[in-house]
Amino acid sequence: MPAARRVHYYRSTLARKDTMPLEIGKKAPDFALPDERGELVKLSGFKGRRVVVFFYPKASTPG
């Protein structure tokens, strides 16, 4: 799947889910998003470890 289509798919998938604000100290819901190589990474894959999720635009992209 081309990158642009993949990003659109994930944005539309995330937009359709019921969203609730996260509370400090509460566990985050599991999710999966593509990494910089396009491979899916799941939050549940880091179970038992502390995780910081940081979103940033890829190089040469607006945002």
PDB file of N, CA and C in Angstrom:
ATOM      1  N   MET A   1       0.851  -1.170   0.000  1.00  0.00           N
ATOM      2  CA  MET A   1       0.000   0.000   0.000  1.00  0.00           C
ATOM      3  C   MET A   1       0.900   1.238   0.000  1.00  0.00           C
ATOM      4  N   PRO A   2       0.664   2.180  -0.911  1.00  0.00           N
ATOM      5  CA  PRO A   2       1.471   3.408  -0.945  1.00  0.00           C
ATOM      6  C   PRO A   2       1.359   4.167   0.376  1.00  0.00           C
ATOM      7  N   ALA A   3       2.421   4.890   0.720  1.00  0.00           N
ATOM      8  CA  ALA A   3       2.477   5.591   2.011  1.00  0.00           C
ATOM      9  C   ALA A   3       1.305   6.549   2.203  1.00  0.00           C
ATOM     10  N   ALA A   4       0.958   7.316   1.173  1.00  0.00           N
ATOM     11  CA  ALA A   4      -0.134   8.290   1.309  1.00  0.00           C
ATOM     12  C   ALA A   4      -1.451   7.585   1.610  1.00  0.00           C
ATOM     13  N   ARG A   5      -1.692   6.472   0.956  1.00  0.00           N
ATOM     14  CA  ARG A   5      -2.926   5.730   1.191  1.00  0.00           C
ATOM     15  C   ARG A   5      -2.913   5.124   2.597  1.00  0.00           C
ATOM     16  N   ARG A   6      -1.742   4.642   3.020  1.00  0.00           N
ATOM     17  CA  ARG A   6      -1.616   4.034   4.343  1.00  0.00           C
ATOM     18  C   ARG A   6      -1.900   5.080   5.428  1.00  0.00           C
ATOM     19  N   VAL A   7      -1.341   6.286   5.281  1.00  0.00           N
ATOM     20  CA  VAL A   7      -1.577   7.345   6.259  1.00  0.00           C
ATOM     21  C   VAL A   7      -3.052   7.696   6.299  1.00  0.00           C
ATOM     22  N   HIS A   8      -3.680   7.831   5.133  1.00  0.00           N
ATOM     23  CA  HIS A   8      -5.108   8.143   5.079  1.00  0.00           C
ATOM     24  C   HIS A   8      -5.912   7.049   5.771  1.00  0.00           C
ATOM     25  N   TYR A   9      -5.552   5.784   5.532  1.00  0.00           N
ATOM     26  CA  TYR A   9      -6.262   4.664   6.145  1.00  0.00           C
ATOM     27  C   TYR A   9      -6.180   4.753   7.666  1.00  0.00           C
ATOM     28  N   TYR A  10      -4.987   4.984   8.198  1.00  0.00           N
ATOM     29  CA  TYR A  10      -4.838   5.048   9.651  1.00  0.00           C
ATOM     30  C   TYR A  10      -5.542   6.259  10.230  1.00  0.00           C
ATOM     31  N   ARG A  11      -5.478   7.387   9.544  1.00  0.00           N
ATOM     32  CA  ARG A  11      -6.185   8.573  10.037  1.00  0.00           C
ATOM     33  C   ARG A  11      -7.683   8.320  10.074  1.00  0.00           C
ATOM     34  N   SER A  12      -8.233   7.741   9.016  1.00  0.00           N
ATOM     35  CA  SER A  12      -9.669   7.512   8.986  1.00  0.00           C
ATOM     36  C   SER A  12     -10.066   6.436   9.984  1.00  0.00           C
ATOM     37  N   THR A  13      -9.215   5.433  10.190  1.00  0.00           N
ATOM     38  CA  THR A  13      -9.510   4.390  11.164  1.00  0.00           C
ATOM     39  C   THR A  13      -9.515   4.968  12.570  1.00  0.00           C
ATOM     40  N   LEU A  14      -8.525   5.792  12.880  1.00  0.00           N
ATOM     41  CA  LEU A  14      -8.459   6.396  14.204  1.00  0.00           C
ATOM     42  C   LEU A  14      -9.608   7.368  14.421  1.00  0.00           C
ATOM     43  N   ALA A  15     -10.004   8.091  13.389  1.00  0.00           N
ATOM     44  CA  ALA A  15     -11.068   9.083  13.520  1.00  0.00           C
ATOM     45  C   ALA A  15     -12.412   8.422  13.811  1.00  0.00           C
ATOM     46  N   ARG A  16     -12.614   7.197  13.347  1.00  0.00           N
ATOM     47  CA  ARG A  16     -13.892   6.523  13.545  1.00  0.00           C
ATOM     48  C   ARG A  16     -14.045   5.936  14.937  1.00  0.00           C
ATOM     49  N   LYS A  17     -12.946   5.658  15.612  1.00  0.00           N
ATOM     50  CA  LYS A  17     -13.030   5.034  16.930  1.00  0.00           C
ATOM     51  C   LYS A  17     -13.561   6.035  17.948  1.00  0.00           C
ATOM     52  N   ASP A  18     -14.290   5.501  18.916  1.00  0.00           N
ATOM     53  CA  ASP A  18     -14.737   6.351  20.015  1.00  0.00           C
ATOM     54  C   ASP A  18     -13.505   6.807  20.782  1.00  0.00           C
ATOM     55  N   THR A  19     -13.419   8.089  21.011  1.00  0.00           N
ATOM     56  CA  THR A  19     -12.250   8.601  21.715  1.00  0.00           C
ATOM     57  C   THR A  19     -12.660   9.139  23.072  1.00  0.00           C
ATOM     58  N   MET A  20     -11.820   8.875  24.049  1.00  0.00           N
ATOM     59  CA  MET A  20     -12.015   9.388  25.395  1.00  0.00           C
ATOM     60  C   MET A  20     -10.698  10.001  25.819  1.00  0.00           C
ATOM     61  N   PRO A  21     -10.740  11.115  26.525  1.00  0.00           N
ATOM     62  CA  PRO A  21      -9.476  11.703  26.978  1.00  0.00           C
ATOM     63  C   PRO A  21      -8.769  10.752  27.941  1.00  0.00           C
ATOM     64  N   LEU A  22      -7.453  10.720  27.848  1.00  0.00           N
ATOM     65  CA  LEU A  22      -6.668   9.902  28.761  1.00  0.00           C
ATOM     66  C   LEU A  22      -6.476  10.655  30.063  1.00  0.00           C
ATOM     67  N   GLU A  23      -6.462   9.926  31.149  1.00  0.00           N
ATOM     68  CA  GLU A  23      -6.232  10.529  32.451  1.00  0.00           C
ATOM     69  C   GLU A  23      -4.818  10.206  32.905  1.00  0.00           C
ATOM     70  N   ILE A  24      -4.191  11.154  33.569  1.00  0.00           N
ATOM     71  CA  ILE A  24      -2.840  10.944  34.076  1.00  0.00           C
ATOM     72  C   ILE A  24      -2.847   9.753  35.021  1.00  0.00           C
ATOM     73  N   GLY A  25      -1.887   8.864  34.825  1.00  0.00           N
ATOM     74  CA  GLY A  25      -1.755   7.687  35.675  1.00  0.00           C
ATOM     75  C   GLY A  25      -2.552   6.488  35.213  1.00  0.00           C
ATOM     76  N   LYS A  26      -3.432   6.656  34.232  1.00  0.00           N
ATOM     77  CA  LYS A  26      -4.228   5.545  33.710  1.00  0.00           C
ATOM     78  C   LYS A  26      -3.499   4.894  32.544  1.00  0.00           C
ATOM     79  N   LYS A  27      -3.795   3.628  32.308  1.00  0.00           N
ATOM     80  CA  LYS A  27      -3.179   2.917  31.191  1.00  0.00           C
ATOM     81  C   LYS A  27      -3.787   3.387  29.875  1.00  0.00           C
ATOM     82  N   ALA A  28      -2.944   3.502  28.880  1.00  0.00           N
ATOM     83  CA  ALA A  28      -3.402   3.893  27.540  1.00  0.00           C
ATOM     84  C   ALA A  28      -4.011   2.676  26.848  1.00  0.00           C
ATOM     85  N   PRO A  29      -4.998   2.879  25.996  1.00  0.00           N
ATOM     86  CA  PRO A  29      -5.549   1.752  25.240  1.00  0.00           C
ATOM     87  C   PRO A  29      -4.522   1.264  24.223  1.00  0.00           C
ATOM     88  N   ASP A  30      -4.600  -0.014  23.887  1.00  0.00           N
ATOM     89  CA  ASP A  30      -3.673  -0.554  22.901  1.00  0.00           C
ATOM     90  C   ASP A  30      -3.972   0.057  21.531  1.00  0.00           C
ATOM     91  N   PHE A  31      -2.941   0.305  20.764  1.00  0.00           N
ATOM     92  CA  PHE A  31      -3.087   0.807  19.402  1.00  0.00           C
ATOM     93  C   PHE A  31      -1.908   0.329  18.582  1.00  0.00           C
ATOM     94  N   ALA A  32      -2.049   0.400  17.275  1.00  0.00           N
ATOM     95  CA  ALA A  32      -0.969   0.034  16.356  1.00  0.00           C
ATOM     96  C   ALA A  32      -0.861   1.114  15.301  1.00  0.00           C
ATOM     97  N   LEU A  33       0.355   1.564  15.043  1.00  0.00           N
ATOM     98  CA  LEU A  33       0.620   2.583  14.029  1.00  0.00           C
ATOM     99  C   LEU A  33       1.900   2.213  13.295  1.00  0.00           C
ATOM    100  N   PRO A  34       2.052   2.675  12.047  1.00  0.00           N
ATOM    101  CA  PRO A  34       3.277   2.356  11.307  1.00  0.00           C
ATOM    102  C   PRO A  34       4.463   3.185  11.806  1.00  0.00           C
ATOM    103  N   ASP A  35       5.641   2.543  11.826  1.00  0.00           N
ATOM    104  CA  ASP A  35       6.862   3.271  12.166  1.00  0.00           C
ATOM    105  C   ASP A  35       7.422   3.919  10.905  1.00  0.00           C
ATOM    106  N   GLU A  36       8.625   4.482  10.996  1.00  0.00           N
ATOM    107  CA  GLU A  36       9.206   5.193   9.853  1.00  0.00           C
ATOM    108  C   GLU A  36       9.498   4.287   8.667  1.00  0.00           C
ATOM    109  N   ARG A  37       9.523   2.973   8.870  1.00  0.00           N
ATOM    110  CA  ARG A  37       9.726   2.017   7.767  1.00  0.00           C
ATOM    111  C   ARG A  37       8.413   1.448   7.253  1.00  0.00           C
ATOM    112  N   GLY A  38       7.296   1.857   7.871  1.00  0.00           N
ATOM    113  CA  GLY A  38       5.992   1.371   7.455  1.00  0.00           C
ATOM    114  C   GLY A  38       5.562   0.100   8.172  1.00  0.00           C
ATOM    115  N   GLU A  39       6.365  -0.385   9.115  1.00  0.00           N
ATOM    116  CA  GLU A  39       6.022  -1.597   9.858  1.00  0.00           C
ATOM    117  C   GLU A  39       5.144  -1.227  11.050  1.00  0.00           C
ATOM    118  N   LEU A  40       4.110  -2.044  11.295  1.00  0.00           N
ATOM    119  CA  LEU A  40       3.206  -1.761  12.400  1.00  0.00           C
ATOM    120  C   LEU A  40       3.884  -2.009  13.739  1.00  0.00           C
ATOM    121  N   VAL A  41       3.694  -1.076  14.640  1.00  0.00           N
ATOM    122  CA  VAL A  41       4.203  -1.192  16.004  1.00  0.00           C
ATOM    123  C   VAL A  41       3.000  -1.097  16.930  1.00  0.00           C
ATOM    124  N   LYS A  42       2.863  -2.075  17.822  1.00  0.00           N
ATOM    125  CA  LYS A  42       1.751  -2.081  18.770  1.00  0.00           C
ATOM    126  C   LYS A  42       2.235  -1.647  20.144  1.00  0.00           C
ATOM    127  N   LEU A  43       1.425  -0.880  20.816  1.00  0.00           N
ATOM    128  CA  LEU A  43       1.750  -0.485  22.177  1.00  0.00           C
ATOM    129  C   LEU A  43       1.877  -1.717  23.063  1.00  0.00           C
ATOM    130  N   SER A  44       1.035  -2.713  22.850  1.00  0.00           N
ATOM    131  CA  SER A  44       1.079  -3.927  23.670  1.00  0.00           C
ATOM    132  C   SER A  44       2.409  -4.668  23.548  1.00  0.00           C
ATOM    133  N   GLY A  45       3.181  -4.400  22.504  1.00  0.00           N
ATOM    134  CA  GLY A  45       4.489  -5.018  22.342  1.00  0.00           C
ATOM    135  C   GLY A  45       5.512  -4.512  23.345  1.00  0.00           C
ATOM    136  N   PHE A  46       5.176  -3.467  24.078  1.00  0.00           N
ATOM    137  CA  PHE A  46       6.081  -2.891  25.072  1.00  0.00           C
ATOM    138  C   PHE A  46       5.588  -3.147  26.494  1.00  0.00           C
ATOM    139  N   LYS A  47       4.721  -4.148  26.650  1.00  0.00           N
ATOM    140  CA  LYS A  47       4.132  -4.450  27.958  1.00  0.00           C
ATOM    141  C   LYS A  47       5.224  -4.646  29.012  1.00  0.00           C
ATOM    142  N   GLY A  48       5.028  -4.008  30.157  1.00  0.00           N
ATOM    143  CA  GLY A  48       5.980  -4.119  31.254  1.00  0.00           C
ATOM    144  C   GLY A  48       7.116  -3.109  31.204  1.00  0.00           C
ATOM    145  N   ARG A  49       7.158  -2.306  30.140  1.00  0.00           N
ATOM    146  CA  ARG A  49       8.207  -1.288  30.016  1.00  0.00           C
ATOM    147  C   ARG A  49       7.564   0.088  29.971  1.00  0.00           C
ATOM    148  N   ARG A  50       8.310   1.085  30.372  1.00  0.00           N
ATOM    149  CA  ARG A  50       7.821   2.463  30.280  1.00  0.00           C
ATOM    150  C   ARG A  50       7.972   2.929  28.842  1.00  0.00           C
ATOM    151  N   VAL A  51       6.970   3.648  28.365  1.00  0.00           N
ATOM    152  CA  VAL A  51       6.947   4.070  26.963  1.00  0.00           C
ATOM    153  C   VAL A  51       6.606   5.549  26.875  1.00  0.00           C
ATOM    154  N   VAL A  52       7.321   6.257  26.025  1.00  0.00           N
ATOM    155  CA  VAL A  52       6.980   7.632  25.671  1.00  0.00           C
ATOM    156  C   VAL A  52       6.610   7.606  24.197  1.00  0.00           C
ATOM    157  N   VAL A  53       5.416   8.069  23.873  1.00  0.00           N
ATOM    158  CA  VAL A  53       4.966   8.111  22.482  1.00  0.00           C
ATOM    159  C   VAL A  53       5.164   9.538  21.989  1.00  0.00           C
ATOM    160  N   PHE A  54       5.920   9.674  20.918  1.00  0.00           N
ATOM    161  CA  PHE A  54       6.260  10.988  20.374  1.00  0.00           C
ATOM    162  C   PHE A  54       5.906  10.989  18.896  1.00  0.00           C
ATOM    163  N   PHE A  55       5.026  11.888  18.474  1.00  0.00           N
ATOM    164  CA  PHE A  55       4.628  11.996  17.077  1.00  0.00           C
ATOM    165  C   PHE A  55       5.349  13.183  16.452  1.00  0.00           C
ATOM    166  N   TYR A  56       5.882  12.989  15.270  1.00  0.00           N
ATOM    167  CA  TYR A  56       6.567  14.066  14.557  1.00  0.00           C
ATOM    168  C   TYR A  56       6.419  13.827  13.061  1.00  0.00           C
ATOM    169  N   PRO A  57       6.479  14.894  12.262  1.00  0.00           N
ATOM    170  CA  PRO A  57       6.371  14.717  10.809  1.00  0.00           C
ATOM    171  C   PRO A  57       7.663  14.151  10.234  1.00  0.00           C
ATOM    172  N   LYS A  58       7.514  13.363   9.187  1.00  0.00           N
ATOM    173  CA  LYS A  58       8.703  12.875   8.489  1.00  0.00           C
ATOM    174  C   LYS A  58       9.402  14.054   7.819  1.00  0.00           C
ATOM    175  N   ALA A  59      10.674  13.912   7.521  1.00  0.00           N
ATOM    176  CA  ALA A  59      11.441  14.972   6.861  1.00  0.00           C
ATOM    177  C   ALA A  59      10.794  15.342   5.527  1.00  0.00           C
ATOM    178  N   SER A  60      10.872  16.599   5.190  1.00  0.00           N
ATOM    179  CA  SER A  60      10.353  17.124   3.922  1.00  0.00           C
ATOM    180  C   SER A  60       8.844  16.983   3.788  1.00  0.00           C
ATOM    181  N   THR A  61       8.129  17.008   4.902  1.00  0.00           N
ATOM    182  CA  THR A  61       6.670  16.976   4.841  1.00  0.00           C
ATOM    183  C   THR A  61       6.131  18.182   5.591  1.00  0.00           C
ATOM    184  N   PRO A  62       4.973  18.687   5.169  1.00  0.00           N
ATOM    185  CA  PRO A  62       4.400  19.813   5.897  1.00  0.00           C
ATOM    186  C   PRO A  62       3.946  19.375   7.279  1.00  0.00           C
ATOM    187  N   GLY A  63       3.972  20.274   8.209  1.00  0.00           N
ATOM    188  CA  GLY A  63       3.486  19.960   9.549  1.00  0.00           C
ATOM    189  C   GLY A  63       4.532  20.178  10.514  1.00  0.00           C
TER     190      GLY A  63
END
